[in-house]
Amino acid sequence: MTYATDRLHEEIAYVAYHFHWSMDEILDLEHPDRRRFTQEIASLVTRAAGTEG
């Protein structure tokens, strides 16, 4: 199964924006690790916004 290109670009942009990592650094991550970072970033953003439930 091929991972959707649009989704991959979204993940790269999201991690790069928040962590200021290069595309190469992000692409070097295994898929589960990259997904984990996007989830952790989302959690941090939610908490910072004061919207955690």
N, C-alpha and C. Protein backbone atom coordinates (compact mmCIF):
# COMPACT_ATOMS: atom_id res chain seq x y z
N MET A 1 0.84 -1.17 0.00
CA MET A 1 0.00 0.00 0.00
C MET A 1 0.89 1.25 0.00
N THR A 2 0.58 2.18 -0.84
CA THR A 2 1.34 3.42 -0.95
C THR A 2 0.71 4.50 -0.07
N TYR A 3 1.55 5.17 0.67
CA TYR A 3 1.07 6.26 1.53
C TYR A 3 0.75 7.45 0.65
N ALA A 4 -0.38 8.07 0.86
CA ALA A 4 -0.83 9.18 0.03
C ALA A 4 0.18 10.32 0.04
N THR A 5 0.54 10.78 -1.14
CA THR A 5 1.52 11.85 -1.28
C THR A 5 1.06 13.12 -0.58
N ASP A 6 -0.22 13.46 -0.72
CA ASP A 6 -0.73 14.66 -0.06
C ASP A 6 -0.59 14.56 1.45
N ARG A 7 -0.88 13.39 2.00
CA ARG A 7 -0.77 13.20 3.45
C ARG A 7 0.68 13.30 3.91
N LEU A 8 1.59 12.74 3.13
CA LEU A 8 3.01 12.82 3.45
C LEU A 8 3.47 14.27 3.47
N HIS A 9 3.05 15.05 2.48
CA HIS A 9 3.42 16.47 2.44
C HIS A 9 2.85 17.23 3.64
N GLU A 10 1.63 16.89 4.04
CA GLU A 10 1.03 17.53 5.21
C GLU A 10 1.85 17.23 6.46
N GLU A 11 2.25 15.98 6.63
CA GLU A 11 3.06 15.60 7.79
C GLU A 11 4.39 16.33 7.79
N ILE A 12 5.05 16.38 6.64
CA ILE A 12 6.34 17.06 6.54
C ILE A 12 6.19 18.54 6.90
N ALA A 13 5.19 19.20 6.34
CA ALA A 13 4.98 20.62 6.61
C ALA A 13 4.68 20.85 8.08
N TYR A 14 3.88 20.00 8.68
CA TYR A 14 3.48 20.14 10.07
C TYR A 14 4.67 20.01 11.01
N VAL A 15 5.48 18.98 10.82
CA VAL A 15 6.65 18.78 11.66
C VAL A 15 7.69 19.87 11.40
N ALA A 16 7.91 20.21 10.15
CA ALA A 16 8.90 21.25 9.82
C ALA A 16 8.50 22.59 10.42
N TYR A 17 7.22 22.92 10.35
CA TYR A 17 6.73 24.19 10.89
C TYR A 17 6.95 24.28 12.40
N HIS A 18 6.63 23.22 13.10
CA HIS A 18 6.70 23.25 14.56
C HIS A 18 8.09 22.97 15.12
N PHE A 19 8.84 22.09 14.50
CA PHE A 19 10.16 21.71 15.02
C PHE A 19 11.32 22.31 14.24
N HIS A 20 11.03 22.92 13.09
CA HIS A 20 12.06 23.54 12.26
C HIS A 20 13.09 22.52 11.77
N TRP A 21 12.62 21.32 11.50
CA TRP A 21 13.48 20.28 10.96
C TRP A 21 13.46 20.36 9.45
N SER A 22 14.52 19.90 8.81
CA SER A 22 14.57 19.89 7.34
C SER A 22 13.73 18.73 6.79
N MET A 23 13.42 18.83 5.51
CA MET A 23 12.66 17.77 4.86
C MET A 23 13.41 16.45 4.93
N ASP A 24 14.72 16.50 4.73
CA ASP A 24 15.52 15.26 4.79
C ASP A 24 15.45 14.62 6.17
N GLU A 25 15.54 15.43 7.22
CA GLU A 25 15.45 14.89 8.57
C GLU A 25 14.11 14.22 8.81
N ILE A 26 13.06 14.84 8.34
CA ILE A 26 11.71 14.29 8.54
C ILE A 26 11.51 13.03 7.72
N LEU A 27 11.99 13.04 6.47
CA LEU A 27 11.84 11.86 5.62
C LEU A 27 12.68 10.69 6.10
N ASP A 28 13.73 10.97 6.87
CA ASP A 28 14.54 9.89 7.42
C ASP A 28 13.81 9.12 8.53
N LEU A 29 12.76 9.71 9.07
CA LEU A 29 11.98 9.02 10.11
C LEU A 29 11.18 7.88 9.50
N GLU A 30 11.02 6.83 10.25
CA GLU A 30 10.11 5.75 9.84
C GLU A 30 8.69 6.29 9.93
N HIS A 31 7.80 5.75 9.12
CA HIS A 31 6.42 6.24 9.09
C HIS A 31 5.77 6.29 10.48
N PRO A 32 5.84 5.22 11.28
CA PRO A 32 5.21 5.30 12.61
C PRO A 32 5.81 6.39 13.50
N ASP A 33 7.10 6.63 13.38
CA ASP A 33 7.73 7.68 14.16
C ASP A 33 7.25 9.07 13.72
N ARG A 34 7.17 9.26 12.41
CA ARG A 34 6.69 10.54 11.88
C ARG A 34 5.25 10.80 12.31
N ARG A 35 4.41 9.77 12.26
CA ARG A 35 3.01 9.90 12.70
C ARG A 35 2.96 10.23 14.19
N ARG A 36 3.83 9.62 14.97
CA ARG A 36 3.86 9.88 16.41
C ARG A 36 4.22 11.34 16.68
N PHE A 37 5.20 11.87 15.94
CA PHE A 37 5.56 13.27 16.12
C PHE A 37 4.39 14.19 15.76
N THR A 38 3.67 13.88 14.70
CA THR A 38 2.53 14.74 14.35
C THR A 38 1.46 14.68 15.44
N GLN A 39 1.25 13.52 16.02
CA GLN A 39 0.27 13.39 17.11
C GLN A 39 0.72 14.16 18.35
N GLU A 40 1.99 14.07 18.67
CA GLU A 40 2.52 14.78 19.84
C GLU A 40 2.46 16.29 19.64
N ILE A 41 2.78 16.75 18.45
CA ILE A 41 2.68 18.18 18.15
C ILE A 41 1.24 18.64 18.31
N ALA A 42 0.30 17.88 17.76
CA ALA A 42 -1.12 18.24 17.88
C ALA A 42 -1.53 18.34 19.34
N SER A 43 -1.04 17.44 20.16
CA SER A 43 -1.35 17.47 21.59
C SER A 43 -0.78 18.73 22.24
N LEU A 44 0.45 19.08 21.91
CA LEU A 44 1.06 20.28 22.46
C LEU A 44 0.31 21.54 22.03
N VAL A 45 -0.08 21.59 20.77
CA VAL A 45 -0.80 22.75 20.25
C VAL A 45 -2.16 22.87 20.95
N THR A 46 -2.83 21.74 21.14
CA THR A 46 -4.13 21.74 21.81
C THR A 46 -4.00 22.25 23.24
N ARG A 47 -3.01 21.74 23.95
CA ARG A 47 -2.79 22.18 25.33
C ARG A 47 -2.45 23.65 25.41
N ALA A 48 -1.61 24.12 24.49
CA ALA A 48 -1.20 25.53 24.49
C ALA A 48 -2.40 26.44 24.21
N ALA A 49 -3.33 25.95 23.44
CA ALA A 49 -4.53 26.73 23.13
C ALA A 49 -5.56 26.67 24.26
N GLY A 50 -5.31 25.81 25.24
CA GLY A 50 -6.23 25.68 26.36
C GLY A 50 -7.52 25.00 26.02
N THR A 51 -7.46 24.12 25.00
CA THR A 51 -8.68 23.44 24.56
C THR A 51 -8.67 21.96 24.87
N GLU A 52 -7.73 21.54 25.72
CA GLU A 52 -7.68 20.12 26.06
C GLU A 52 -8.90 19.75 26.90
N GLY A 53 -9.50 18.61 26.55
CA GLY A 53 -10.73 18.24 27.23
C GLY A 53 -10.59 17.35 28.34
